[in-house]
């Protein structure tokens, strides 16, 4: 699994600096967990249903300077949270599958990793509600057009939107992604927007400012 822009955005955008326990759901290669470790002093658990990917994530974490703070679990999220259903995490992060109404991709591993058949938003919010501490937060990256679906399922579990960033691939175009933060308390929603590239090409200043600490080559 390649490093994707969605994961980089979530790892850089989430406010994890003061957290001491973090959970990354669907860690894939371990990117978000490693970024969270770089940005905090937290102990981090990472869950990945695909055993091959979980092994890769564990290896990547071990090779990083923060490997002693990252534990990878090769299991599905339902099993994980039902075995650990106590309020224990300050922050939960996830770049979940999102092709809810699309045709199943042909490769079964890619299907499992990226299709909502493996992890749906209902399960994600239910598990997060079980695992978050009273003032804990859940941060997600998702398609922008799923906003109403997210709000509906979050509120059913007693989680409320606290921060939204609408992400456009190119400045001036409609947002394709939504970075969202959720918590147990109703607060005024903080809303802003971010563009990744200029119309003529090249990263925007705001994207560079957000992500430059995580790229080896960034203008």
N, C-alpha and C. Protein backbone atom coordinates (compact mmCIF):
# COMPACT_ATOMS: atom_id res chain seq x y z
N UNK A 1 0.84 -1.19 0.00
CA UNK A 1 0.00 0.00 0.00
C UNK A 1 0.88 1.24 0.00
N UNK A 2 0.61 2.13 -0.94
CA UNK A 2 1.43 3.33 -1.07
C UNK A 2 1.02 4.38 -0.04
N UNK A 3 1.92 5.30 0.23
CA UNK A 3 1.61 6.45 1.08
C UNK A 3 0.70 7.38 0.30
N UNK A 4 -0.46 7.70 0.85
CA UNK A 4 -1.43 8.53 0.16
C UNK A 4 -1.55 9.91 0.78
N UNK A 5 -2.04 10.84 -0.04
CA UNK A 5 -2.22 12.22 0.43
C UNK A 5 -3.21 12.28 1.58
N UNK A 6 -4.27 11.45 1.54
CA UNK A 6 -5.26 11.47 2.62
C UNK A 6 -4.62 11.21 3.97
N UNK A 7 -3.77 10.19 4.04
CA UNK A 7 -3.11 9.86 5.30
C UNK A 7 -2.18 10.96 5.76
N UNK A 8 -1.44 11.54 4.84
CA UNK A 8 -0.54 12.64 5.20
C UNK A 8 -1.34 13.82 5.74
N UNK A 9 -2.43 14.15 5.08
CA UNK A 9 -3.28 15.25 5.54
C UNK A 9 -3.78 15.00 6.96
N UNK A 10 -4.33 13.82 7.20
CA UNK A 10 -4.88 13.54 8.53
C UNK A 10 -3.79 13.54 9.59
N UNK A 11 -2.65 12.92 9.29
CA UNK A 11 -1.57 12.87 10.26
C UNK A 11 -1.03 14.23 10.62
N UNK A 12 -1.02 15.15 9.64
CA UNK A 12 -0.50 16.49 9.90
C UNK A 12 -1.54 17.41 10.53
N UNK A 13 -2.81 17.20 10.21
CA UNK A 13 -3.90 18.10 10.63
C UNK A 13 -4.39 17.83 12.05
N UNK A 14 -4.38 16.59 12.48
CA UNK A 14 -4.94 16.22 13.78
C UNK A 14 -4.16 16.85 14.92
N UNK A 15 -4.87 17.31 15.93
CA UNK A 15 -4.25 17.97 17.07
C UNK A 15 -3.90 16.94 18.15
N UNK A 16 -2.79 16.28 17.94
CA UNK A 16 -2.39 15.17 18.81
C UNK A 16 -1.29 15.54 19.81
N UNK A 17 -0.80 16.76 19.75
CA UNK A 17 0.42 17.11 20.50
C UNK A 17 0.31 16.85 22.01
N UNK A 18 -0.86 17.05 22.59
CA UNK A 18 -1.02 16.89 24.03
C UNK A 18 -1.55 15.51 24.43
N UNK A 19 -1.76 14.65 23.48
CA UNK A 19 -2.31 13.32 23.77
C UNK A 19 -1.23 12.40 24.35
N UNK A 20 -1.65 11.51 25.23
CA UNK A 20 -0.73 10.52 25.78
C UNK A 20 -1.08 9.08 25.37
N UNK A 21 -2.31 8.86 24.88
CA UNK A 21 -2.71 7.56 24.32
C UNK A 21 -3.46 7.82 23.02
N UNK A 22 -3.01 7.22 21.94
CA UNK A 22 -3.59 7.43 20.61
C UNK A 22 -3.87 6.08 19.97
N UNK A 23 -4.97 6.00 19.22
CA UNK A 23 -5.32 4.80 18.47
C UNK A 23 -5.46 5.17 17.00
N UNK A 24 -4.82 4.40 16.12
CA UNK A 24 -4.95 4.56 14.67
C UNK A 24 -5.70 3.35 14.13
N UNK A 25 -6.89 3.58 13.58
CA UNK A 25 -7.74 2.51 13.09
C UNK A 25 -7.53 2.33 11.59
N UNK A 26 -7.17 1.12 11.19
CA UNK A 26 -6.89 0.86 9.78
C UNK A 26 -5.57 1.47 9.36
N UNK A 27 -4.53 1.12 10.07
CA UNK A 27 -3.25 1.83 9.93
C UNK A 27 -2.56 1.62 8.59
N UNK A 28 -2.89 0.54 7.87
CA UNK A 28 -2.24 0.31 6.58
C UNK A 28 -0.74 0.10 6.75
N UNK A 29 0.06 0.99 6.18
CA UNK A 29 1.51 0.90 6.29
C UNK A 29 2.04 1.47 7.60
N UNK A 30 1.15 2.02 8.44
CA UNK A 30 1.58 2.63 9.69
C UNK A 30 1.87 4.10 9.59
N UNK A 31 1.58 4.71 8.44
CA UNK A 31 1.91 6.11 8.21
C UNK A 31 1.36 7.04 9.28
N UNK A 32 0.05 6.98 9.52
CA UNK A 32 -0.58 7.92 10.45
C UNK A 32 -0.08 7.69 11.87
N UNK A 33 0.09 6.43 12.26
CA UNK A 33 0.61 6.13 13.60
C UNK A 33 2.01 6.71 13.78
N UNK A 34 2.85 6.57 12.76
CA UNK A 34 4.21 7.09 12.85
C UNK A 34 4.22 8.62 12.88
N UNK A 35 3.36 9.24 12.08
CA UNK A 35 3.25 10.70 12.12
C UNK A 35 2.78 11.18 13.49
N UNK A 36 1.82 10.47 14.07
CA UNK A 36 1.33 10.84 15.40
C UNK A 36 2.43 10.70 16.44
N UNK A 37 3.26 9.67 16.30
CA UNK A 37 4.38 9.49 17.22
C UNK A 37 5.39 10.62 17.06
N UNK A 38 5.62 11.04 15.83
CA UNK A 38 6.55 12.14 15.58
C UNK A 38 6.07 13.44 16.21
N UNK A 39 4.75 13.62 16.29
CA UNK A 39 4.18 14.90 16.74
C UNK A 39 3.79 14.90 18.21
N UNK A 40 4.01 13.81 18.92
CA UNK A 40 3.59 13.73 20.33
C UNK A 40 4.53 12.81 21.09
N UNK A 41 4.29 12.71 22.39
CA UNK A 41 5.02 11.75 23.22
C UNK A 41 4.14 10.57 23.59
N UNK A 42 3.07 10.36 22.83
CA UNK A 42 2.04 9.39 23.17
C UNK A 42 2.47 7.95 22.93
N UNK A 43 1.82 7.05 23.66
CA UNK A 43 1.83 5.62 23.34
C UNK A 43 0.74 5.40 22.31
N UNK A 44 1.05 4.67 21.26
CA UNK A 44 0.14 4.56 20.13
C UNK A 44 -0.16 3.10 19.82
N UNK A 45 -1.46 2.78 19.72
CA UNK A 45 -1.91 1.49 19.25
C UNK A 45 -2.41 1.66 17.82
N UNK A 46 -2.09 0.72 16.95
CA UNK A 46 -2.50 0.77 15.55
C UNK A 46 -3.15 -0.56 15.19
N UNK A 47 -4.35 -0.51 14.61
CA UNK A 47 -5.12 -1.70 14.28
C UNK A 47 -5.19 -1.86 12.77
N UNK A 48 -4.94 -3.06 12.29
CA UNK A 48 -5.00 -3.33 10.85
C UNK A 48 -5.50 -4.75 10.62
N UNK A 49 -6.58 -4.89 9.86
CA UNK A 49 -7.20 -6.20 9.64
C UNK A 49 -6.37 -7.09 8.72
N UNK A 50 -5.64 -6.50 7.78
CA UNK A 50 -4.84 -7.26 6.84
C UNK A 50 -3.50 -7.63 7.50
N UNK A 51 -3.26 -8.93 7.67
CA UNK A 51 -2.08 -9.35 8.42
C UNK A 51 -0.78 -8.98 7.71
N UNK A 52 -0.79 -9.01 6.37
CA UNK A 52 0.40 -8.62 5.63
C UNK A 52 0.70 -7.14 5.84
N UNK A 53 -0.34 -6.33 5.74
CA UNK A 53 -0.17 -4.89 5.97
C UNK A 53 0.22 -4.61 7.41
N UNK A 54 -0.37 -5.36 8.36
CA UNK A 54 -0.02 -5.16 9.77
C UNK A 54 1.45 -5.47 10.01
N UNK A 55 1.95 -6.51 9.36
CA UNK A 55 3.37 -6.82 9.49
C UNK A 55 4.25 -5.74 8.91
N UNK A 56 3.82 -5.19 7.79
CA UNK A 56 4.58 -4.09 7.18
C UNK A 56 4.55 -2.86 8.08
N UNK A 57 3.37 -2.58 8.66
CA UNK A 57 3.26 -1.43 9.57
C UNK A 57 4.17 -1.60 10.78
N UNK A 58 4.20 -2.81 11.33
CA UNK A 58 5.05 -3.07 12.49
C UNK A 58 6.52 -2.89 12.13
N UNK A 59 6.90 -3.35 10.94
CA UNK A 59 8.28 -3.18 10.49
C UNK A 59 8.62 -1.71 10.28
N UNK A 60 7.72 -0.98 9.64
CA UNK A 60 7.95 0.45 9.43
C UNK A 60 8.07 1.19 10.76
N UNK A 61 7.21 0.85 11.71
CA UNK A 61 7.27 1.49 13.02
C UNK A 61 8.60 1.18 13.71
N UNK A 62 9.03 -0.09 13.63
CA UNK A 62 10.28 -0.48 14.28
C UNK A 62 11.48 0.24 13.68
N UNK A 63 11.42 0.54 12.39
CA UNK A 63 12.52 1.22 11.72
C UNK A 63 12.51 2.73 11.95
N UNK A 64 11.43 3.24 12.49
CA UNK A 64 11.34 4.68 12.78
C UNK A 64 11.98 4.99 14.13
N UNK A 65 12.25 6.26 14.41
CA UNK A 65 12.81 6.62 15.72
C UNK A 65 11.82 6.46 16.87
N UNK A 66 10.55 6.16 16.57
CA UNK A 66 9.51 6.14 17.61
C UNK A 66 8.92 4.75 17.78
N UNK A 67 9.60 3.73 17.29
CA UNK A 67 9.05 2.38 17.30
C UNK A 67 8.73 1.84 18.68
N UNK A 68 9.42 2.30 19.71
CA UNK A 68 9.17 1.79 21.05
C UNK A 68 7.85 2.28 21.63
N UNK A 69 7.20 3.22 20.95
CA UNK A 69 5.91 3.74 21.43
C UNK A 69 4.74 3.30 20.57
N UNK A 70 4.97 2.47 19.57
CA UNK A 70 3.91 2.06 18.64
C UNK A 70 3.71 0.55 18.72
N UNK A 71 2.47 0.12 18.96
CA UNK A 71 2.12 -1.30 18.97
C UNK A 71 1.08 -1.55 17.89
N UNK A 72 1.36 -2.51 16.99
CA UNK A 72 0.45 -2.82 15.89
C UNK A 72 -0.30 -4.11 16.20
N UNK A 73 -1.62 -4.08 16.03
CA UNK A 73 -2.48 -5.24 16.26
C UNK A 73 -3.05 -5.71 14.92
N UNK A 74 -2.80 -6.94 14.56
CA UNK A 74 -3.34 -7.51 13.33
C UNK A 74 -4.69 -8.13 13.59
N UNK A 75 -5.72 -7.31 13.60
CA UNK A 75 -7.08 -7.77 13.89
C UNK A 75 -8.07 -6.78 13.32
N UNK A 76 -9.34 -7.16 13.27
CA UNK A 76 -10.36 -6.21 12.81
C UNK A 76 -10.76 -5.31 13.97
N UNK A 77 -11.27 -4.13 13.64
CA UNK A 77 -11.57 -3.13 14.67
C UNK A 77 -12.67 -3.58 15.61
N UNK A 78 -13.70 -4.28 15.11
CA UNK A 78 -14.77 -4.76 15.98
C UNK A 78 -14.23 -5.63 17.10
N UNK A 79 -13.40 -6.59 16.73
CA UNK A 79 -12.80 -7.47 17.73
C UNK A 79 -11.96 -6.68 18.71
N UNK A 80 -11.19 -5.74 18.20
CA UNK A 80 -10.30 -4.94 19.05
C UNK A 80 -11.08 -4.14 20.08
N UNK A 81 -12.09 -3.40 19.65
CA UNK A 81 -12.74 -2.52 20.62
C UNK A 81 -13.65 -3.28 21.58
N UNK A 82 -14.19 -4.40 21.13
CA UNK A 82 -15.04 -5.17 22.05
C UNK A 82 -14.22 -5.86 23.13
N UNK A 83 -12.96 -6.14 22.84
CA UNK A 83 -12.07 -6.69 23.86
C UNK A 83 -11.48 -5.60 24.75
N UNK A 84 -11.51 -4.37 24.28
CA UNK A 84 -10.87 -3.27 25.01
C UNK A 84 -11.85 -2.13 25.26
N UNK A 85 -13.13 -2.46 25.48
CA UNK A 85 -14.18 -1.44 25.52
C UNK A 85 -14.19 -0.67 26.84
N UNK A 86 -13.12 0.07 27.06
CA UNK A 86 -13.07 1.01 28.18
C UNK A 86 -12.55 2.33 27.63
N UNK A 87 -12.89 3.42 28.29
CA UNK A 87 -12.47 4.74 27.83
C UNK A 87 -10.99 4.91 28.12
N UNK A 88 -10.17 4.86 27.06
CA UNK A 88 -8.73 4.84 27.31
C UNK A 88 -7.91 5.75 26.41
N UNK A 89 -8.48 6.26 25.32
CA UNK A 89 -7.69 7.01 24.36
C UNK A 89 -8.03 8.51 24.38
N UNK A 90 -6.98 9.31 24.32
CA UNK A 90 -7.16 10.75 24.20
C UNK A 90 -7.52 11.14 22.77
N UNK A 91 -7.01 10.39 21.81
CA UNK A 91 -7.27 10.72 20.41
C UNK A 91 -7.32 9.43 19.60
N UNK A 92 -8.32 9.34 18.73
CA UNK A 92 -8.43 8.24 17.77
C UNK A 92 -8.35 8.83 16.37
N UNK A 93 -7.56 8.21 15.52
CA UNK A 93 -7.36 8.67 14.15
C UNK A 93 -7.77 7.57 13.19
N UNK A 94 -8.35 7.94 12.05
CA UNK A 94 -8.67 6.92 11.07
C UNK A 94 -8.83 7.52 9.67
N UNK A 95 -8.24 6.84 8.71
CA UNK A 95 -8.47 7.08 7.29
C UNK A 95 -9.26 5.86 6.81
N UNK A 96 -10.59 5.86 7.07
CA UNK A 96 -11.38 4.64 6.87
C UNK A 96 -11.72 4.39 5.42
N UNK A 97 -12.21 3.19 5.10
CA UNK A 97 -12.68 2.90 3.75
C UNK A 97 -13.88 3.77 3.42
N UNK A 98 -14.05 4.12 2.15
CA UNK A 98 -15.09 5.11 1.86
C UNK A 98 -15.90 4.85 0.60
N UNK A 99 -15.64 3.77 -0.11
CA UNK A 99 -16.40 3.53 -1.33
C UNK A 99 -17.73 2.83 -0.98
N UNK A 100 -18.61 3.55 -0.32
CA UNK A 100 -19.81 2.95 0.23
C UNK A 100 -20.73 2.40 -0.84
N UNK A 101 -20.92 3.12 -1.94
CA UNK A 101 -21.88 2.69 -2.96
C UNK A 101 -21.19 2.28 -4.27
N UNK A 102 -19.89 2.15 -4.25
CA UNK A 102 -19.19 1.81 -5.49
C UNK A 102 -19.15 0.31 -5.70
N UNK A 103 -18.80 -0.11 -6.91
CA UNK A 103 -18.59 -1.52 -7.18
C UNK A 103 -17.37 -2.01 -6.44
N UNK A 104 -17.40 -3.25 -6.01
CA UNK A 104 -16.27 -3.81 -5.31
C UNK A 104 -15.06 -3.88 -6.24
N UNK A 105 -13.89 -3.41 -5.81
CA UNK A 105 -12.70 -3.55 -6.64
C UNK A 105 -12.33 -5.03 -6.77
N UNK A 106 -11.64 -5.41 -7.83
CA UNK A 106 -11.40 -6.84 -8.10
C UNK A 106 -10.43 -7.49 -7.14
N UNK A 107 -9.45 -6.79 -6.66
CA UNK A 107 -8.45 -7.41 -5.80
C UNK A 107 -8.96 -7.45 -4.37
N UNK A 108 -8.96 -8.64 -3.76
CA UNK A 108 -9.60 -8.81 -2.45
C UNK A 108 -8.88 -8.04 -1.35
N UNK A 109 -7.55 -7.94 -1.41
CA UNK A 109 -6.84 -7.19 -0.36
C UNK A 109 -7.14 -5.71 -0.47
N UNK A 110 -7.19 -5.19 -1.70
CA UNK A 110 -7.54 -3.78 -1.87
C UNK A 110 -8.98 -3.55 -1.44
N UNK A 111 -9.87 -4.51 -1.74
CA UNK A 111 -11.26 -4.40 -1.31
C UNK A 111 -11.34 -4.29 0.20
N UNK A 112 -10.64 -5.17 0.88
CA UNK A 112 -10.67 -5.19 2.33
C UNK A 112 -10.13 -3.89 2.92
N UNK A 113 -9.09 -3.36 2.29
CA UNK A 113 -8.46 -2.15 2.81
C UNK A 113 -9.25 -0.89 2.52
N UNK A 114 -9.95 -0.82 1.37
CA UNK A 114 -10.54 0.43 0.93
C UNK A 114 -12.05 0.41 0.80
N UNK A 115 -12.72 -0.72 0.95
CA UNK A 115 -14.16 -0.77 0.76
C UNK A 115 -14.89 -0.77 2.10
N UNK A 116 -16.05 -0.13 2.13
CA UNK A 116 -16.80 -0.01 3.38
C UNK A 116 -17.29 -1.36 3.89
N UNK A 117 -17.19 -2.41 3.09
CA UNK A 117 -17.55 -3.73 3.58
C UNK A 117 -16.65 -4.18 4.70
N UNK A 118 -15.43 -3.64 4.80
CA UNK A 118 -14.51 -4.05 5.84
C UNK A 118 -14.67 -3.27 7.13
N UNK A 119 -15.00 -1.97 7.01
CA UNK A 119 -15.18 -1.12 8.18
C UNK A 119 -16.10 0.02 7.78
N UNK A 120 -17.31 0.05 8.36
CA UNK A 120 -18.23 1.12 8.01
C UNK A 120 -18.19 2.21 9.08
N UNK A 121 -18.81 3.34 8.76
CA UNK A 121 -18.77 4.48 9.67
C UNK A 121 -19.59 4.24 10.93
N UNK A 122 -20.65 3.43 10.82
CA UNK A 122 -21.42 3.09 12.01
C UNK A 122 -20.54 2.39 13.05
N UNK A 123 -19.79 1.40 12.58
CA UNK A 123 -18.89 0.67 13.47
C UNK A 123 -17.79 1.57 14.00
N UNK A 124 -17.28 2.43 13.14
CA UNK A 124 -16.20 3.33 13.54
C UNK A 124 -16.63 4.25 14.67
N UNK A 125 -17.78 4.89 14.54
CA UNK A 125 -18.25 5.80 15.58
C UNK A 125 -18.66 5.05 16.85
N UNK A 126 -19.26 3.88 16.69
CA UNK A 126 -19.62 3.08 17.86
C UNK A 126 -18.38 2.70 18.66
N UNK A 127 -17.35 2.22 17.96
CA UNK A 127 -16.13 1.84 18.65
C UNK A 127 -15.41 3.03 19.26
N UNK A 128 -15.39 4.14 18.55
CA UNK A 128 -14.74 5.34 19.08
C UNK A 128 -15.44 5.82 20.35
N UNK A 129 -16.77 5.77 20.35
CA UNK A 129 -17.51 6.20 21.54
C UNK A 129 -17.18 5.31 22.74
N UNK A 130 -16.91 4.04 22.47
CA UNK A 130 -16.57 3.11 23.56
C UNK A 130 -15.16 3.34 24.08
N UNK A 131 -14.25 3.79 23.22
CA UNK A 131 -12.83 3.83 23.57
C UNK A 131 -12.30 5.22 23.95
N UNK A 132 -13.02 6.27 23.57
CA UNK A 132 -12.52 7.62 23.87
C UNK A 132 -12.70 7.99 25.33
N UNK A 133 -11.71 8.67 25.88
CA UNK A 133 -11.85 9.28 27.20
C UNK A 133 -12.88 10.41 27.14
N UNK A 134 -13.39 10.88 28.29
CA UNK A 134 -14.46 11.89 28.28
C UNK A 134 -14.17 13.11 27.42
N UNK A 135 -12.94 13.57 27.40
CA UNK A 135 -12.60 14.74 26.59
C UNK A 135 -11.77 14.34 25.36
N UNK A 136 -11.84 13.06 25.00
CA UNK A 136 -11.09 12.58 23.85
C UNK A 136 -11.70 13.04 22.54
N UNK A 137 -10.92 12.89 21.47
CA UNK A 137 -11.36 13.34 20.15
C UNK A 137 -11.10 12.26 19.09
N UNK A 138 -11.96 12.24 18.10
CA UNK A 138 -11.83 11.37 16.95
C UNK A 138 -11.57 12.23 15.72
N UNK A 139 -10.52 11.93 14.97
CA UNK A 139 -10.22 12.68 13.75
C UNK A 139 -10.25 11.74 12.54
N UNK A 140 -10.93 12.18 11.47
CA UNK A 140 -11.12 11.36 10.28
C UNK A 140 -10.78 12.15 9.03
N UNK A 141 -10.47 11.42 7.96
CA UNK A 141 -10.46 12.00 6.62
C UNK A 141 -11.44 11.17 5.79
N UNK A 142 -12.31 11.86 5.05
CA UNK A 142 -13.37 11.18 4.31
C UNK A 142 -13.74 12.00 3.08
N UNK A 143 -14.51 11.43 2.16
CA UNK A 143 -15.03 12.23 1.06
C UNK A 143 -15.92 13.35 1.59
N UNK A 144 -15.85 14.52 0.99
CA UNK A 144 -16.64 15.66 1.47
C UNK A 144 -18.13 15.41 1.36
N UNK A 145 -18.55 14.61 0.38
CA UNK A 145 -19.99 14.40 0.20
C UNK A 145 -20.60 13.43 1.20
N UNK A 146 -19.79 12.91 2.11
CA UNK A 146 -20.32 12.04 3.17
C UNK A 146 -20.57 12.79 4.47
N UNK A 147 -20.51 14.10 4.44
CA UNK A 147 -20.64 14.88 5.67
C UNK A 147 -21.93 14.57 6.43
N UNK A 148 -23.06 14.57 5.76
CA UNK A 148 -24.33 14.30 6.44
C UNK A 148 -24.36 12.89 7.02
N UNK A 149 -23.83 11.93 6.29
CA UNK A 149 -23.76 10.55 6.76
C UNK A 149 -22.92 10.46 8.03
N UNK A 150 -21.81 11.17 8.07
CA UNK A 150 -20.95 11.17 9.25
C UNK A 150 -21.66 11.79 10.44
N UNK A 151 -22.26 12.95 10.23
CA UNK A 151 -22.94 13.65 11.33
C UNK A 151 -24.04 12.78 11.91
N UNK A 152 -24.82 12.15 11.05
CA UNK A 152 -25.93 11.30 11.52
C UNK A 152 -25.41 10.17 12.40
N UNK A 153 -24.40 9.44 11.91
CA UNK A 153 -23.90 8.29 12.67
C UNK A 153 -23.14 8.71 13.92
N UNK A 154 -22.47 9.84 13.87
CA UNK A 154 -21.74 10.31 15.05
C UNK A 154 -22.70 10.68 16.17
N UNK A 155 -23.75 11.43 15.84
CA UNK A 155 -24.69 11.88 16.87
C UNK A 155 -25.41 10.70 17.51
N UNK A 156 -25.67 9.65 16.74
CA UNK A 156 -26.28 8.45 17.32
C UNK A 156 -25.43 7.88 18.45
N UNK A 157 -24.11 8.09 18.38
CA UNK A 157 -23.18 7.57 19.39
C UNK A 157 -22.76 8.64 20.40
N UNK A 158 -23.40 9.79 20.37
CA UNK A 158 -23.06 10.84 21.32
C UNK A 158 -21.78 11.57 21.00
N UNK A 159 -21.41 11.63 19.72
CA UNK A 159 -20.23 12.37 19.28
C UNK A 159 -20.67 13.51 18.37
N UNK A 160 -20.03 14.67 18.53
CA UNK A 160 -20.47 15.87 17.83
C UNK A 160 -19.32 16.51 17.06
N UNK A 161 -19.62 17.12 15.91
CA UNK A 161 -18.55 17.75 15.13
C UNK A 161 -17.96 18.95 15.84
N UNK A 162 -16.64 19.04 15.86
CA UNK A 162 -15.96 20.15 16.51
C UNK A 162 -15.09 20.96 15.55
N UNK A 163 -14.59 20.30 14.49
CA UNK A 163 -13.72 21.00 13.54
C UNK A 163 -13.84 20.34 12.17
N UNK A 164 -14.07 21.14 11.13
CA UNK A 164 -14.13 20.66 9.75
C UNK A 164 -13.15 21.47 8.90
N UNK A 165 -12.38 20.78 8.08
CA UNK A 165 -11.57 21.41 7.04
C UNK A 165 -11.92 20.76 5.71
N UNK A 166 -12.43 21.57 4.78
CA UNK A 166 -12.79 21.09 3.46
C UNK A 166 -11.57 21.20 2.55
N UNK A 167 -11.20 20.09 1.92
CA UNK A 167 -9.95 20.02 1.16
C UNK A 167 -10.25 19.92 -0.34
N UNK A 168 -9.70 20.85 -1.10
CA UNK A 168 -9.78 20.82 -2.56
C UNK A 168 -8.44 20.39 -3.12
N UNK A 169 -8.47 19.54 -4.14
CA UNK A 169 -7.23 19.14 -4.77
C UNK A 169 -6.55 20.29 -5.48
N UNK A 170 -7.36 21.16 -6.09
CA UNK A 170 -6.86 22.32 -6.81
C UNK A 170 -7.63 23.55 -6.37
N UNK A 171 -6.95 24.64 -6.13
CA UNK A 171 -7.58 25.87 -5.67
C UNK A 171 -8.71 26.28 -6.62
N UNK A 172 -9.84 26.65 -6.03
CA UNK A 172 -10.98 27.09 -6.81
C UNK A 172 -11.96 25.99 -7.17
N UNK A 173 -11.59 24.76 -6.98
CA UNK A 173 -12.49 23.64 -7.27
C UNK A 173 -13.23 23.19 -6.01
N UNK A 174 -14.31 22.45 -6.23
CA UNK A 174 -15.11 21.96 -5.11
C UNK A 174 -14.28 21.01 -4.24
N UNK A 175 -14.50 21.04 -2.93
CA UNK A 175 -13.75 20.14 -2.05
C UNK A 175 -14.08 18.68 -2.32
N UNK A 176 -13.05 17.85 -2.28
CA UNK A 176 -13.21 16.41 -2.46
C UNK A 176 -13.08 15.64 -1.15
N UNK A 177 -12.38 16.21 -0.18
CA UNK A 177 -12.16 15.55 1.09
C UNK A 177 -12.61 16.43 2.25
N UNK A 178 -12.96 15.78 3.33
CA UNK A 178 -13.31 16.47 4.57
C UNK A 178 -12.44 15.92 5.69
N UNK A 179 -11.68 16.79 6.33
CA UNK A 179 -10.98 16.47 7.57
C UNK A 179 -11.91 16.86 8.71
N UNK A 180 -12.21 15.92 9.58
CA UNK A 180 -13.21 16.20 10.63
C UNK A 180 -12.74 15.72 11.98
N UNK A 181 -13.11 16.50 12.99
CA UNK A 181 -12.78 16.17 14.38
C UNK A 181 -14.08 16.12 15.17
N UNK A 182 -14.20 15.10 16.04
CA UNK A 182 -15.44 14.83 16.78
C UNK A 182 -15.14 14.64 18.26
N UNK A 183 -16.07 15.04 19.11
CA UNK A 183 -15.91 14.85 20.55
C UNK A 183 -17.25 14.68 21.23
N UNK A 184 -17.22 14.43 22.51
CA UNK A 184 -18.45 14.17 23.26
C UNK A 184 -19.23 15.43 23.61
N UNK A 185 -18.63 16.58 23.43
CA UNK A 185 -19.24 17.82 23.88
C UNK A 185 -19.63 18.69 22.69
N UNK A 186 -20.78 19.34 22.77
CA UNK A 186 -21.21 20.28 21.75
C UNK A 186 -20.44 21.59 21.91
N UNK A 187 -19.73 21.99 20.90
CA UNK A 187 -18.97 23.24 20.91
C UNK A 187 -19.20 23.92 19.56
N UNK A 188 -18.92 25.23 19.47
CA UNK A 188 -19.03 25.89 18.16
C UNK A 188 -18.12 25.21 17.14
N UNK A 189 -18.67 24.93 15.99
CA UNK A 189 -17.92 24.21 14.97
C UNK A 189 -16.90 25.13 14.32
N UNK A 190 -15.65 24.71 14.31
CA UNK A 190 -14.56 25.44 13.66
C UNK A 190 -14.46 24.96 12.22
N UNK A 191 -14.63 25.85 11.26
CA UNK A 191 -14.68 25.47 9.85
C UNK A 191 -13.65 26.28 9.06
N UNK A 192 -12.89 25.60 8.21
CA UNK A 192 -12.01 26.29 7.27
C UNK A 192 -11.81 25.43 6.03
N UNK A 193 -10.99 25.91 5.11
CA UNK A 193 -10.78 25.22 3.85
C UNK A 193 -9.29 25.18 3.53
N UNK A 194 -8.91 24.21 2.71
CA UNK A 194 -7.52 24.01 2.33
C UNK A 194 -7.46 23.54 0.88
N UNK A 195 -6.57 24.11 0.10
CA UNK A 195 -6.30 23.65 -1.25
C UNK A 195 -4.90 23.06 -1.30
N UNK A 196 -4.74 21.96 -2.03
CA UNK A 196 -3.44 21.29 -2.09
C UNK A 196 -2.55 21.92 -3.15
N UNK A 197 -3.11 22.19 -4.33
CA UNK A 197 -2.30 22.72 -5.43
C UNK A 197 -2.93 23.99 -6.01
N UNK A 198 -2.08 24.82 -6.62
CA UNK A 198 -2.54 25.96 -7.39
C UNK A 198 -3.11 25.49 -8.72
N UNK A 199 -3.91 26.32 -9.35
CA UNK A 199 -4.48 25.96 -10.66
C UNK A 199 -3.38 25.67 -11.68
N UNK A 200 -2.31 26.43 -11.65
CA UNK A 200 -1.23 26.23 -12.61
C UNK A 200 -0.22 25.19 -12.21
N UNK A 201 -0.44 24.51 -11.08
CA UNK A 201 0.50 23.50 -10.60
C UNK A 201 1.32 24.02 -9.43
N UNK A 202 1.85 23.11 -8.67
CA UNK A 202 2.65 23.46 -7.50
C UNK A 202 1.79 23.51 -6.25
N UNK A 203 2.39 23.09 -5.13
CA UNK A 203 1.67 23.07 -3.86
C UNK A 203 1.36 24.49 -3.37
N UNK A 204 0.22 24.64 -2.71
CA UNK A 204 -0.13 25.92 -2.12
C UNK A 204 0.70 26.16 -0.86
N UNK A 205 0.79 27.40 -0.47
CA UNK A 205 1.54 27.75 0.74
C UNK A 205 0.94 27.09 1.97
N UNK A 206 -0.39 27.01 2.01
CA UNK A 206 -1.06 26.43 3.19
C UNK A 206 -0.79 24.92 3.29
N UNK A 207 -0.74 24.23 2.14
CA UNK A 207 -0.45 22.81 2.18
C UNK A 207 1.00 22.55 2.58
N UNK A 208 1.90 23.36 2.07
CA UNK A 208 3.31 23.24 2.45
C UNK A 208 3.49 23.47 3.95
N UNK A 209 2.82 24.50 4.47
CA UNK A 209 2.93 24.81 5.90
C UNK A 209 2.43 23.65 6.77
N UNK A 210 1.37 22.99 6.29
CA UNK A 210 0.79 21.90 7.07
C UNK A 210 1.64 20.64 7.05
N UNK A 211 2.26 20.34 5.90
CA UNK A 211 2.85 19.02 5.71
C UNK A 211 4.37 18.99 5.51
N UNK A 212 5.04 20.12 5.50
CA UNK A 212 6.45 20.11 5.12
C UNK A 212 7.34 19.30 6.06
N UNK A 213 6.93 19.12 7.31
CA UNK A 213 7.74 18.34 8.26
C UNK A 213 7.75 16.85 7.94
N UNK A 214 6.90 16.41 7.00
CA UNK A 214 6.73 14.98 6.77
C UNK A 214 7.16 14.54 5.38
N UNK A 215 7.68 15.45 4.59
CA UNK A 215 8.19 15.09 3.26
C UNK A 215 9.70 15.29 3.23
N UNK A 216 10.39 14.37 2.57
CA UNK A 216 11.83 14.53 2.40
C UNK A 216 12.15 15.65 1.41
N UNK A 217 11.28 15.82 0.43
CA UNK A 217 11.47 16.87 -0.56
C UNK A 217 10.18 17.69 -0.63
N UNK A 218 10.27 18.91 -0.18
CA UNK A 218 9.12 19.82 -0.22
C UNK A 218 9.64 21.21 -0.53
N UNK A 219 9.12 21.87 -1.58
CA UNK A 219 9.62 23.20 -1.93
C UNK A 219 9.34 24.22 -0.84
